[in-house]
Protein backbone atom coordinates (compact mmCIF):
# COMPACT_ATOMS: atom_id res chain seq x y z
CA MET A 1 32.30 -49.83 -21.18
CA ILE A 2 31.68 -46.90 -18.82
CA ILE A 3 33.90 -47.17 -15.73
CA ASP A 4 32.67 -46.50 -12.19
CA THR A 5 34.66 -43.41 -11.15
CA PHE A 6 34.75 -40.71 -8.51
CA CYS A 7 36.03 -37.14 -8.80
CA TYR A 8 37.99 -34.94 -6.39
CA GLY A 9 38.79 -31.51 -7.83
CA GLU A 10 40.42 -32.04 -11.24
CA ARG A 11 41.40 -35.69 -10.62
CA TYR A 12 39.41 -38.90 -10.97
CA ARG A 13 39.77 -42.44 -9.69
CA ILE A 14 38.36 -45.84 -10.55
CA ALA A 15 36.10 -47.15 -7.78
CA SER A 16 37.96 -49.44 -5.34
CA LEU A 17 41.27 -49.21 -7.27
CA ARG A 18 44.43 -47.14 -6.87
CA LEU A 19 47.94 -46.85 -8.31
CA LEU A 20 51.07 -47.92 -6.47
CA CYS A 21 54.51 -46.54 -7.32
CA GLY A 22 56.61 -45.54 -4.33
CA GLY A 23 53.35 -44.39 -2.78
CA SER A 24 49.62 -44.79 -3.19
CA TYR A 25 47.73 -42.61 -5.69
CA VAL A 26 43.96 -42.75 -5.32
CA TYR A 27 42.85 -39.82 -7.54
CA TRP A 28 45.22 -40.14 -10.52
CA MET A 29 43.26 -39.66 -13.76
CA THR A 30 42.92 -36.25 -15.43
CA ARG A 31 40.46 -35.40 -18.21
CA GLY A 32 42.18 -34.91 -21.55
CA GLU A 33 44.72 -37.67 -20.91
CA THR A 34 44.54 -41.21 -22.29
CA TYR A 35 45.94 -44.09 -20.28
CA ARG A 36 47.17 -47.51 -21.40
CA LEU A 37 46.64 -50.55 -19.21
CA ARG A 38 48.68 -53.68 -19.89
CA HIS A 39 49.64 -56.79 -17.97
CA GLU A 40 53.36 -57.05 -17.28
CA GLY A 41 53.59 -60.65 -16.10
CA ARG A 42 52.44 -60.12 -12.53
CA ASP A 43 50.59 -56.81 -12.35
CA TRP A 44 48.53 -54.46 -14.48
CA GLU A 45 50.58 -51.34 -15.23
CA VAL A 46 49.23 -47.96 -16.27
CA ALA A 47 51.06 -45.55 -18.61
CA GLY A 48 50.19 -42.20 -20.10
CA ALA A 49 49.81 -39.57 -17.39
CA ALA A 50 51.78 -36.37 -17.87
CA TRP A 51 52.76 -36.40 -14.17
CA PHE A 52 54.13 -39.97 -14.23
CA HIS A 53 57.90 -40.28 -13.81
CA PRO A 54 59.62 -42.04 -16.73
CA HIS A 55 60.96 -45.56 -16.16
CA ARG A 56 58.74 -46.15 -13.12
CA ALA A 57 56.02 -48.80 -12.99
CA TYR A 58 52.57 -47.58 -11.89
CA ARG A 59 50.67 -50.69 -10.81
CA LEU A 60 46.88 -50.81 -10.65
CA VAL A 61 45.80 -52.45 -7.38
CA ARG A 62 42.80 -53.18 -5.17
CA ILE A 63 43.99 -52.36 -1.64
CA ASP A 64 47.43 -54.03 -1.81
CA SER A 65 46.75 -56.89 -4.21
CA PRO A 66 46.93 -56.74 -8.01
CA ALA A 67 43.77 -55.59 -9.76
CA THR A 68 41.96 -58.30 -11.72
CA ALA A 69 38.87 -56.39 -12.84
CA ILE A 70 37.56 -52.89 -13.59
CA PRO A 71 34.17 -51.93 -12.07
CA ASP A 72 31.63 -50.58 -14.52
CA HIS A 73 28.99 -47.91 -13.95
CA GLY A 74 26.24 -50.55 -13.73
CA GLY A 75 27.72 -52.40 -10.76
CA SER A 76 29.40 -55.24 -12.67
CA ASN A 77 33.09 -55.92 -13.24
CA LEU A 78 35.05 -56.45 -16.42
CA ILE A 79 37.63 -59.15 -15.79
CA LEU A 80 40.98 -58.01 -17.19
CA CYS A 81 42.60 -60.53 -19.55
CA PRO A 82 46.42 -60.78 -19.59
CA GLY A 83 47.57 -60.40 -23.19
CA THR A 84 44.96 -57.73 -23.83
CA GLU A 85 45.88 -54.05 -23.78
CA TYR A 86 43.24 -51.52 -22.72
CA GLN A 87 42.79 -47.78 -23.05
CA ILE A 88 41.12 -45.56 -20.45
CA SER A 89 39.84 -42.11 -21.44
CA ALA A 90 37.07 -39.62 -20.67
CA ASN A 91 34.45 -38.49 -23.15
CA THR A 92 33.27 -34.88 -23.47
CA ALA A 93 30.65 -35.46 -20.75
CA GLY A 94 33.40 -36.51 -18.32
CA ARG A 95 32.46 -40.18 -18.22
CA TRP A 96 35.47 -42.51 -18.23
CA SER A 97 35.46 -45.55 -20.46
CA LEU A 98 37.58 -48.63 -21.02
CA HIS A 99 38.31 -49.91 -24.54
CA VAL A 100 40.23 -52.91 -25.82
CA VAL A 101 43.19 -51.65 -27.87
CA ASP A 102 44.94 -54.91 -28.67
CA ALA A 103 43.65 -58.38 -27.82
CA LEU A 104 45.63 -61.60 -27.74
CA ILE A 105 44.26 -63.91 -30.40
CA PRO A 106 44.72 -67.59 -29.48
CA ALA A 107 46.61 -69.66 -32.05
């Protein structure tokens, strides 16, 4: 799925979402890096950026509430499923995509 993103200089952001971790980070993605998105009980946390501080939780939010979906380039939203881990990365054309890495399989 191609994510709806915006660019400012060398950094990118997901439309209508930001990271919270002792501050608000709007433009936080950098081409060449791969990010992991996983649900940690209450919030979706992002890992993988070279500039992230170790042992700190970077929470993906919409304004000040936990994110529940990722907007796609076509104007729809992918609802995030707790128990599923996602990967966010950019292709060579600079388009960011979301992929399922590990999905919870119901018993």
